[in-house]
Amino acid sequence: MIEAVHGEYLIREIGLTAAELAEVAELHHEVLPSRAYATDQKRAGLAEEIRDSLQGRDGLVLAAFTADGRLVAYKLGYRTGNRRESFYSWIGGVHPFHRRKGLYRALTRLQHDWARQQGFKHVETHTWGDNTAMLILNLQEGFVAIGAISAPDRPGTRIILRKVL
Protein backbone atom coordinates (compact mmCIF):
# COMPACT_ATOMS: atom_id res chain seq x y z
CA MET A 1 0.00 0.00 0.00
CA ILE A 2 1.46 3.33 -1.09
CA GLU A 3 1.42 6.26 1.29
CA ALA A 4 3.54 9.42 1.04
CA VAL A 5 3.53 13.03 2.17
CA HIS A 6 4.01 15.86 -0.30
CA GLY A 7 4.09 19.24 1.42
CA GLU A 8 0.78 19.63 3.22
CA TYR A 9 -0.84 16.74 1.32
CA LEU A 10 -1.17 13.04 2.07
CA ILE A 11 -0.88 10.85 -1.01
CA ARG A 12 -2.16 7.31 -0.72
CA GLU A 13 -3.37 4.40 -2.75
CA ILE A 14 -7.13 4.00 -2.65
CA GLY A 15 -9.37 1.09 -3.53
CA LEU A 16 -12.16 0.57 -6.00
CA THR A 17 -15.03 1.19 -3.59
CA ALA A 18 -18.09 2.97 -4.96
CA ALA A 19 -17.65 5.91 -2.56
CA GLU A 20 -13.96 6.45 -3.37
CA LEU A 21 -14.49 6.20 -7.12
CA ALA A 22 -17.52 8.51 -7.02
CA GLU A 23 -15.31 11.13 -5.36
CA VAL A 24 -12.62 10.66 -8.02
CA ALA A 25 -15.21 10.87 -10.82
CA GLU A 26 -16.65 14.09 -9.41
CA LEU A 27 -13.22 15.71 -9.21
CA HIS A 28 -12.32 14.42 -12.68
CA HIS A 29 -15.12 16.36 -14.34
CA GLU A 30 -14.22 19.48 -12.37
CA VAL A 31 -10.56 19.65 -13.36
CA LEU A 32 -10.06 18.39 -16.91
CA PRO A 33 -10.58 20.23 -20.18
CA SER A 34 -12.58 17.19 -21.40
CA ARG A 35 -15.38 18.21 -19.02
CA ALA A 36 -16.73 20.45 -21.76
CA TYR A 37 -17.35 17.39 -23.93
CA ALA A 38 -18.78 15.09 -21.26
CA THR A 39 -22.45 14.27 -21.60
CA ASP A 40 -24.65 13.87 -18.53
CA GLN A 41 -24.70 10.12 -19.22
CA LYS A 42 -20.89 9.96 -19.35
CA ARG A 43 -20.61 11.96 -16.13
CA ALA A 44 -23.04 9.64 -14.36
CA GLY A 45 -21.25 6.51 -15.54
CA LEU A 46 -17.62 7.53 -14.94
CA ALA A 47 -17.18 5.90 -11.52
CA GLU A 48 -18.50 2.62 -12.91
CA GLU A 49 -16.32 2.97 -16.03
CA ILE A 50 -13.27 3.47 -13.82
CA ARG A 51 -14.07 0.42 -11.69
CA ASP A 52 -14.75 -1.75 -14.76
CA SER A 53 -11.57 -0.57 -16.52
CA LEU A 54 -9.35 -1.32 -13.52
CA GLN A 55 -10.97 -4.60 -12.48
CA GLY A 56 -8.47 -7.44 -12.83
CA ARG A 57 -5.87 -5.34 -14.67
CA ASP A 58 -3.20 -4.69 -12.05
CA GLY A 59 -4.45 -1.16 -11.58
CA LEU A 60 -3.28 1.59 -9.29
CA VAL A 61 -5.39 4.48 -7.98
CA LEU A 62 -3.44 7.22 -6.22
CA ALA A 63 -5.13 10.15 -4.50
CA ALA A 64 -3.92 13.27 -2.70
CA PHE A 65 -5.83 14.66 0.24
CA THR A 66 -5.72 17.86 2.28
CA ALA A 67 -5.17 17.69 6.04
CA ASP A 68 -8.95 17.66 6.53
CA GLY A 69 -9.33 14.66 4.20
CA ARG A 70 -10.59 16.40 1.06
CA LEU A 71 -9.60 14.77 -2.25
CA VAL A 72 -7.75 17.32 -4.40
CA ALA A 73 -5.75 15.22 -6.89
CA TYR A 74 -5.77 11.72 -8.39
CA LYS A 75 -3.90 9.53 -10.87
CA LEU A 76 -5.09 6.17 -12.23
CA GLY A 77 -3.47 3.55 -14.41
CA TYR A 78 -3.49 -0.13 -15.26
CA ARG A 79 -1.67 -2.96 -17.04
CA THR A 80 -2.42 -3.33 -20.73
CA GLY A 81 -2.06 -6.56 -22.65
CA ASN A 82 -1.36 -10.04 -21.34
CA ARG A 83 2.17 -9.48 -20.10
CA ARG A 84 3.61 -7.20 -17.44
CA GLU A 85 5.22 -5.00 -20.01
CA SER A 86 3.08 -1.92 -20.55
CA PHE A 87 1.43 0.19 -17.88
CA TYR A 88 -1.14 2.70 -19.14
CA SER A 89 -1.29 5.94 -17.15
CA TRP A 90 -4.95 6.64 -17.83
CA ILE A 91 -6.48 9.65 -16.11
CA GLY A 92 -5.57 12.15 -13.44
CA GLY A 93 -5.90 15.74 -12.40
CA VAL A 94 -5.46 18.34 -9.69
CA HIS A 95 -8.12 20.71 -8.37
CA PRO A 96 -7.37 24.25 -9.64
CA PHE A 97 -6.84 25.66 -6.12
CA HIS A 98 -4.12 23.07 -5.45
CA ARG A 99 -2.13 23.35 -8.67
CA ARG A 100 1.46 24.57 -9.00
CA LYS A 101 2.53 22.73 -5.86
CA GLY A 102 4.09 19.72 -7.56
CA LEU A 103 1.22 17.38 -6.68
CA TYR A 104 0.75 15.88 -10.13
CA ARG A 105 4.48 15.38 -10.56
CA ALA A 106 4.59 13.62 -7.16
CA LEU A 107 1.68 11.37 -8.18
CA THR A 108 3.38 10.64 -11.51
CA ARG A 109 6.66 9.67 -9.90
CA LEU A 110 4.96 7.43 -7.32
CA GLN A 111 2.99 5.74 -10.10
CA HIS A 112 6.11 5.14 -12.20
CA ASP A 113 8.11 3.87 -9.22
CA TRP A 114 5.29 1.43 -8.43
CA ALA A 115 5.10 0.29 -12.08
CA ARG A 116 8.88 -0.25 -12.18
CA GLN A 117 8.74 -2.28 -8.94
CA GLN A 118 5.95 -4.39 -10.44
CA GLY A 119 8.19 -5.27 -13.40
CA PHE A 120 6.63 -3.09 -16.09
CA LYS A 121 9.01 -2.10 -18.90
CA HIS A 122 7.35 1.14 -19.99
CA VAL A 123 4.51 3.54 -19.24
CA GLU A 124 2.25 4.88 -21.95
CA THR A 125 -0.17 7.78 -21.72
CA HIS A 126 -2.38 9.81 -24.03
CA THR A 127 -3.11 13.52 -23.70
CA TRP A 128 -4.93 16.04 -25.81
CA GLY A 129 -2.84 18.35 -27.92
CA ASP A 130 -4.49 21.37 -26.28
CA ASN A 131 -3.45 20.23 -22.77
CA THR A 132 -0.12 22.05 -22.86
CA ALA A 133 0.64 21.65 -19.15
CA MET A 134 0.28 17.87 -19.34
CA LEU A 135 2.40 17.64 -22.48
CA ILE A 136 5.17 19.66 -20.83
CA LEU A 137 5.06 17.63 -17.61
CA ASN A 138 5.19 14.33 -19.50
CA LEU A 139 8.12 15.49 -21.62
CA GLN A 140 9.96 16.67 -18.49
CA GLU A 141 9.34 13.27 -16.90
CA GLY A 142 10.99 11.42 -19.79
CA PHE A 143 8.13 10.59 -22.13
CA VAL A 144 8.51 10.82 -25.90
CA ALA A 145 5.71 11.22 -28.45
CA ILE A 146 5.17 8.02 -30.43
CA GLY A 147 1.95 8.84 -32.29
CA ALA A 148 -1.34 10.68 -32.44
CA ILE A 149 -5.00 9.86 -33.01
CA SER A 150 -8.08 11.97 -33.56
CA ALA A 151 -11.31 11.29 -31.70
CA PRO A 152 -14.76 11.33 -33.28
CA ASP A 153 -16.43 12.74 -30.14
CA ARG A 154 -14.40 15.95 -29.72
CA PRO A 155 -12.16 18.26 -31.71
CA GLY A 156 -8.40 18.01 -31.53
CA THR A 157 -5.79 15.30 -31.46
CA ARG A 158 -4.70 12.89 -28.76
CA ILE A 159 -0.94 12.61 -28.45
CA ILE A 160 0.41 9.16 -27.53
CA LEU A 161 3.48 9.26 -25.27
CA ARG A 162 5.74 6.50 -23.93
CA LYS A 163 8.42 6.34 -21.27
CA VAL A 164 10.86 3.49 -20.76
CA LEU A 165 11.10 2.61 -17.06
C-alpha atoms as a PDB file:
ATOM      1  CA  MET A   1       0.000   0.000   0.000  1.00  0.00           C
ATOM      2  CA  ILE A   2       1.461   3.329  -1.087  1.00  0.00           C
ATOM      3  CA  GLU A   3       1.423   6.265   1.286  1.00  0.00           C
ATOM      4  CA  ALA A   4       3.540   9.422   1.045  1.00  0.00           C
ATOM      5  CA  VAL A   5       3.532  13.026   2.167  1.00  0.00           C
ATOM      6  CA  HIS A   6       4.007  15.865  -0.302  1.00  0.00           C
ATOM      7  CA  GLY A   7       4.085  19.244   1.418  1.00  0.00           C
ATOM      8  CA  GLU A   8       0.780  19.634   3.216  1.00  0.00           C
ATOM      9  CA  TYR A   9      -0.841  16.738   1.318  1.00  0.00           C
ATOM     10  CA  LEU A  10      -1.166  13.042   2.073  1.00  0.00           C
ATOM     11  CA  ILE A  11      -0.879  10.850  -1.010  1.00  0.00           C
ATOM     12  CA  ARG A  12      -2.155   7.313  -0.716  1.00  0.00           C
ATOM     13  CA  GLU A  13      -3.369   4.402  -2.746  1.00  0.00           C
ATOM     14  CA  ILE A  14      -7.132   4.001  -2.646  1.00  0.00           C
ATOM     15  CA  GLY A  15      -9.372   1.087  -3.527  1.00  0.00           C
ATOM     16  CA  LEU A  16     -12.159   0.567  -6.000  1.00  0.00           C
ATOM     17  CA  THR A  17     -15.033   1.187  -3.588  1.00  0.00           C
ATOM     18  CA  ALA A  18     -18.085   2.966  -4.959  1.00  0.00           C
ATOM     19  CA  ALA A  19     -17.653   5.906  -2.559  1.00  0.00           C
ATOM     20  CA  GLU A  20     -13.961   6.453  -3.366  1.00  0.00           C
ATOM     21  CA  LEU A  21     -14.489   6.197  -7.116  1.00  0.00           C
ATOM     22  CA  ALA A  22     -17.517   8.515  -7.016  1.00  0.00           C
ATOM     23  CA  GLU A  23     -15.311  11.131  -5.356  1.00  0.00           C
ATOM     24  CA  VAL A  24     -12.615  10.658  -8.023  1.00  0.00           C
ATOM     25  CA  ALA A  25     -15.208  10.868 -10.822  1.00  0.00           C
ATOM     26  CA  GLU A  26     -16.653  14.089  -9.413  1.00  0.00           C
ATOM     27  CA  LEU A  27     -13.220  15.713  -9.210  1.00  0.00           C
ATOM     28  CA  HIS A  28     -12.321  14.420 -12.684  1.00  0.00           C
ATOM     29  CA  HIS A  29     -15.124  16.358 -14.337  1.00  0.00           C
ATOM     30  CA  GLU A  30     -14.218  19.485 -12.370  1.00  0.00           C
ATOM     31  CA  VAL A  31     -10.565  19.645 -13.362  1.00  0.00           C
ATOM     32  CA  LEU A  32     -10.063  18.386 -16.907  1.00  0.00           C
ATOM     33  CA  PRO A  33     -10.584  20.231 -20.178  1.00  0.00           C
ATOM     34  CA  SER A  34     -12.578  17.194 -21.403  1.00  0.00           C
ATOM     35  CA  ARG A  35     -15.382  18.205 -19.018  1.00  0.00           C
ATOM     36  CA  ALA A  36     -16.731  20.448 -21.762  1.00  0.00           C
ATOM     37  CA  TYR A  37     -17.346  17.388 -23.934  1.00  0.00           C
ATOM     38  CA  ALA A  38     -18.783  15.092 -21.259  1.00  0.00           C
ATOM     39  CA  THR A  39     -22.454  14.265 -21.604  1.00  0.00           C
ATOM     40  CA  ASP A  40     -24.653  13.869 -18.526  1.00  0.00           C
ATOM     41  CA  GLN A  41     -24.698  10.123 -19.219  1.00  0.00           C
ATOM     42  CA  LYS A  42     -20.892   9.961 -19.353  1.00  0.00           C
ATOM     43  CA  ARG A  43     -20.615  11.963 -16.131  1.00  0.00           C
ATOM     44  CA  ALA A  44     -23.036   9.643 -14.361  1.00  0.00           C
ATOM     45  CA  GLY A  45     -21.247   6.515 -15.536  1.00  0.00           C
ATOM     46  CA  LEU A  46     -17.623   7.530 -14.942  1.00  0.00           C
ATOM     47  CA  ALA A  47     -17.181   5.898 -11.518  1.00  0.00           C
ATOM     48  CA  GLU A  48     -18.505   2.624 -12.914  1.00  0.00           C
ATOM     49  CA  GLU A  49     -16.325   2.974 -16.030  1.00  0.00           C
ATOM     50  CA  ILE A  50     -13.273   3.469 -13.825  1.00  0.00           C
ATOM     51  CA  ARG A  51     -14.075   0.423 -11.689  1.00  0.00           C
ATOM     52  CA  ASP A  52     -14.751  -1.749 -14.763  1.00  0.00           C
ATOM     53  CA  SER A  53     -11.570  -0.572 -16.517  1.00  0.00           C
ATOM     54  CA  LEU A  54      -9.353  -1.322 -13.516  1.00  0.00           C
ATOM     55  CA  GLN A  55     -10.968  -4.602 -12.479  1.00  0.00           C
ATOM     56  CA  GLY A  56      -8.466  -7.444 -12.831  1.00  0.00           C
ATOM     57  CA  ARG A  57      -5.870  -5.337 -14.672  1.00  0.00           C
ATOM     58  CA  ASP A  58      -3.200  -4.690 -12.050  1.00  0.00           C
ATOM     59  CA  GLY A  59      -4.452  -1.156 -11.583  1.00  0.00           C
ATOM     60  CA  LEU A  60      -3.283   1.593  -9.294  1.00  0.00           C
ATOM     61  CA  VAL A  61      -5.386   4.480  -7.977  1.00  0.00           C
ATOM     62  CA  LEU A  62      -3.440   7.224  -6.222  1.00  0.00           C
ATOM     63  CA  ALA A  63      -5.128  10.147  -4.495  1.00  0.00           C
ATOM     64  CA  ALA A  64      -3.918  13.271  -2.704  1.00  0.00           C
ATOM     65  CA  PHE A  65      -5.833  14.660   0.244  1.00  0.00           C
ATOM     66  CA  THR A  66      -5.719  17.862   2.278  1.00  0.00           C
ATOM     67  CA  ALA A  67      -5.171  17.694   6.042  1.00  0.00           C
ATOM     68  CA  ASP A  68      -8.945  17.665   6.531  1.00  0.00           C
ATOM     69  CA  GLY A  69      -9.330  14.656   4.199  1.00  0.00           C
ATOM     70  CA  ARG A  70     -10.595  16.405   1.065  1.00  0.00           C
ATOM     71  CA  LEU A  71      -9.602  14.773  -2.247  1.00  0.00           C
ATOM     72  CA  VAL A  72      -7.753  17.318  -4.398  1.00  0.00           C
ATOM     73  CA  ALA A  73      -5.754  15.218  -6.889  1.00  0.00           C
ATOM     74  CA  TYR A  74      -5.767  11.722  -8.387  1.00  0.00           C
ATOM     75  CA  LYS A  75      -3.900   9.527 -10.872  1.00  0.00           C
ATOM     76  CA  LEU A  76      -5.087   6.172 -12.227  1.00  0.00           C
ATOM     77  CA  GLY A  77      -3.474   3.549 -14.412  1.00  0.00           C
ATOM     78  CA  TYR A  78      -3.492  -0.131 -15.260  1.00  0.00           C
ATOM     79  CA  ARG A  79      -1.665  -2.955 -17.044  1.00  0.00           C
ATOM     80  CA  THR A  80      -2.416  -3.327 -20.732  1.00  0.00           C
ATOM     81  CA  GLY A  81      -2.060  -6.562 -22.648  1.00  0.00           C
ATOM     82  CA  ASN A  82      -1.362 -10.044 -21.335  1.00  0.00           C
ATOM     83  CA  ARG A  83       2.166  -9.479 -20.102  1.00  0.00           C
ATOM     84  CA  ARG A  84       3.612  -7.203 -17.436  1.00  0.00           C
ATOM     85  CA  GLU A  85       5.222  -5.000 -20.013  1.00  0.00           C
ATOM     86  CA  SER A  86       3.080  -1.924 -20.546  1.00  0.00           C
ATOM     87  CA  PHE A  87       1.427   0.187 -17.879  1.00  0.00           C
ATOM     88  CA  TYR A  88      -1.142   2.703 -19.136  1.00  0.00           C
ATOM     89  CA  SER A  89      -1.293   5.936 -17.145  1.00  0.00           C
ATOM     90  CA  TRP A  90      -4.945   6.643 -17.832  1.00  0.00           C
ATOM     91  CA  ILE A  91      -6.485   9.649 -16.109  1.00  0.00           C
ATOM     92  CA  GLY A  92      -5.572  12.153 -13.444  1.00  0.00           C
ATOM     93  CA  GLY A  93      -5.902  15.738 -12.395  1.00  0.00           C
ATOM     94  CA  VAL A  94      -5.458  18.344  -9.686  1.00  0.00           C
ATOM     95  CA  HIS A  95      -8.120  20.705  -8.369  1.00  0.00           C
ATOM     96  CA  PRO A  96      -7.366  24.248  -9.643  1.00  0.00           C
ATOM     97  CA  PHE A  97      -6.844  25.655  -6.119  1.00  0.00           C
ATOM     98  CA  HIS A  98      -4.122  23.075  -5.454  1.00  0.00           C
ATOM     99  CA  ARG A  99      -2.130  23.351  -8.671  1.00  0.00           C
ATOM    100  CA  ARG A 100       1.462  24.567  -9.002  1.00  0.00           C
ATOM    101  CA  LYS A 101       2.527  22.735  -5.857  1.00  0.00           C
ATOM    102  CA  GLY A 102       4.092  19.715  -7.562  1.00  0.00           C
ATOM    103  CA  LEU A 103       1.217  17.379  -6.682  1.00  0.00           C
ATOM    104  CA  TYR A 104       0.750  15.876 -10.127  1.00  0.00           C
ATOM    105  CA  ARG A 105       4.476  15.379 -10.562  1.00  0.00           C
ATOM    106  CA  ALA A 106       4.591  13.620  -7.158  1.00  0.00           C
ATOM    107  CA  LEU A 107       1.679  11.367  -8.185  1.00  0.00           C
ATOM    108  CA  THR A 108       3.378  10.637 -11.515  1.00  0.00           C
ATOM    109  CA  ARG A 109       6.662   9.665  -9.897  1.00  0.00           C
ATOM    110  CA  LEU A 110       4.956   7.434  -7.319  1.00  0.00           C
ATOM    111  CA  GLN A 111       2.986   5.742 -10.103  1.00  0.00           C
ATOM    112  CA  HIS A 112       6.109   5.142 -12.198  1.00  0.00           C
ATOM    113  CA  ASP A 113       8.114   3.868  -9.216  1.00  0.00           C
ATOM    114  CA  TRP A 114       5.290   1.429  -8.431  1.00  0.00           C
ATOM    115  CA  ALA A 115       5.100   0.290 -12.080  1.00  0.00           C
ATOM    116  CA  ARG A 116       8.883  -0.253 -12.179  1.00  0.00           C
ATOM    117  CA  GLN A 117       8.741  -2.280  -8.943  1.00  0.00           C
ATOM    118  CA  GLN A 118       5.948  -4.394 -10.442  1.00  0.00           C
ATOM    119  CA  GLY A 119       8.186  -5.269 -13.398  1.00  0.00           C
ATOM    120  CA  PHE A 120       6.626  -3.093 -16.085  1.00  0.00           C
ATOM    121  CA  LYS A 121       9.007  -2.103 -18.897  1.00  0.00           C
ATOM    122  CA  HIS A 122       7.352   1.144 -19.989  1.00  0.00           C
ATOM    123  CA  VAL A 123       4.510   3.542 -19.240  1.00  0.00           C
ATOM    124  CA  GLU A 124       2.246   4.883 -21.947  1.00  0.00           C
ATOM    125  CA  THR A 125      -0.168   7.784 -21.716  1.00  0.00           C
ATOM    126  CA  HIS A 126      -2.375   9.814 -24.031  1.00  0.00           C
ATOM    127  CA  THR A 127      -3.107  13.516 -23.703  1.00  0.00           C
ATOM    128  CA  TRP A 128      -4.935  16.036 -25.812  1.00  0.00           C
ATOM    129  CA  GLY A 129      -2.836  18.350 -27.922  1.00  0.00           C
ATOM    130  CA  ASP A 130      -4.488  21.367 -26.277  1.00  0.00           C
ATOM    131  CA  ASN A 131      -3.451  20.229 -22.771  1.00  0.00           C
ATOM    132  CA  THR A 132      -0.123  22.046 -22.859  1.00  0.00           C
ATOM    133  CA  ALA A 133       0.643  21.650 -19.147  1.00  0.00           C
ATOM    134  CA  MET A 134       0.275  17.871 -19.344  1.00  0.00           C
ATOM    135  CA  LEU A 135       2.400  17.641 -22.483  1.00  0.00           C
ATOM    136  CA  ILE A 136       5.174  19.657 -20.830  1.00  0.00           C
ATOM    137  CA  LEU A 137       5.061  17.632 -17.605  1.00  0.00           C
ATOM    138  CA  ASN A 138       5.186  14.334 -19.498  1.00  0.00           C
ATOM    139  CA  LEU A 139       8.120  15.485 -21.619  1.00  0.00           C
ATOM    140  CA  GLN A 140       9.964  16.673 -18.495  1.00  0.00           C
ATOM    141  CA  GLU A 141       9.343  13.267 -16.902  1.00  0.00           C
ATOM    142  CA  GLY A 142      10.994  11.420 -19.786  1.00  0.00           C
ATOM    143  CA  PHE A 143       8.127  10.590 -22.132  1.00  0.00           C
ATOM    144  CA  VAL A 144       8.506  10.818 -25.902  1.00  0.00           C
ATOM    145  CA  ALA A 145       5.710  11.223 -28.447  1.00  0.00           C
ATOM    146  CA  ILE A 146       5.173   8.024 -30.427  1.00  0.00           C
ATOM    147  CA  GLY A 147       1.950   8.837 -32.293  1.00  0.00           C
ATOM    148  CA  ALA A 148      -1.345  10.678 -32.445  1.00  0.00           C
ATOM    149  CA  ILE A 149      -5.000   9.860 -33.006  1.00  0.00           C
ATOM    150  CA  SER A 150      -8.084  11.969 -33.558  1.00  0.00           C
ATOM    151  CA  ALA A 151     -11.309  11.293 -31.703  1.00  0.00           C
ATOM    152  CA  PRO A 152     -14.762  11.334 -33.280  1.00  0.00           C
ATOM    153  CA  ASP A 153     -16.433  12.735 -30.145  1.00  0.00           C
ATOM    154  CA  ARG A 154     -14.404  15.949 -29.721  1.00  0.00           C
ATOM    155  CA  PRO A 155     -12.163  18.256 -31.712  1.00  0.00           C
ATOM    156  CA  GLY A 156      -8.402  18.006 -31.527  1.00  0.00           C
ATOM    157  CA  THR A 157      -5.791  15.299 -31.465  1.00  0.00           C
ATOM    158  CA  ARG A 158      -4.698  12.893 -28.761  1.00  0.00           C
ATOM    159  CA  ILE A 159      -0.939  12.605 -28.451  1.00  0.00           C
ATOM    160  CA  ILE A 160       0.407   9.156 -27.529  1.00  0.00           C
ATOM    161  CA  LEU A 161       3.481   9.256 -25.274  1.00  0.00           C
ATOM    162  CA  ARG A 162       5.739   6.497 -23.934  1.00  0.00           C
ATOM    163  CA  LYS A 163       8.423   6.343 -21.270  1.00  0.00           C
ATOM    164  CA  VAL A 164      10.865   3.489 -20.763  1.00  0.00           C
ATOM    165  CA  LEU A 165      11.097   2.611 -17.063  1.00  0.00           C
END
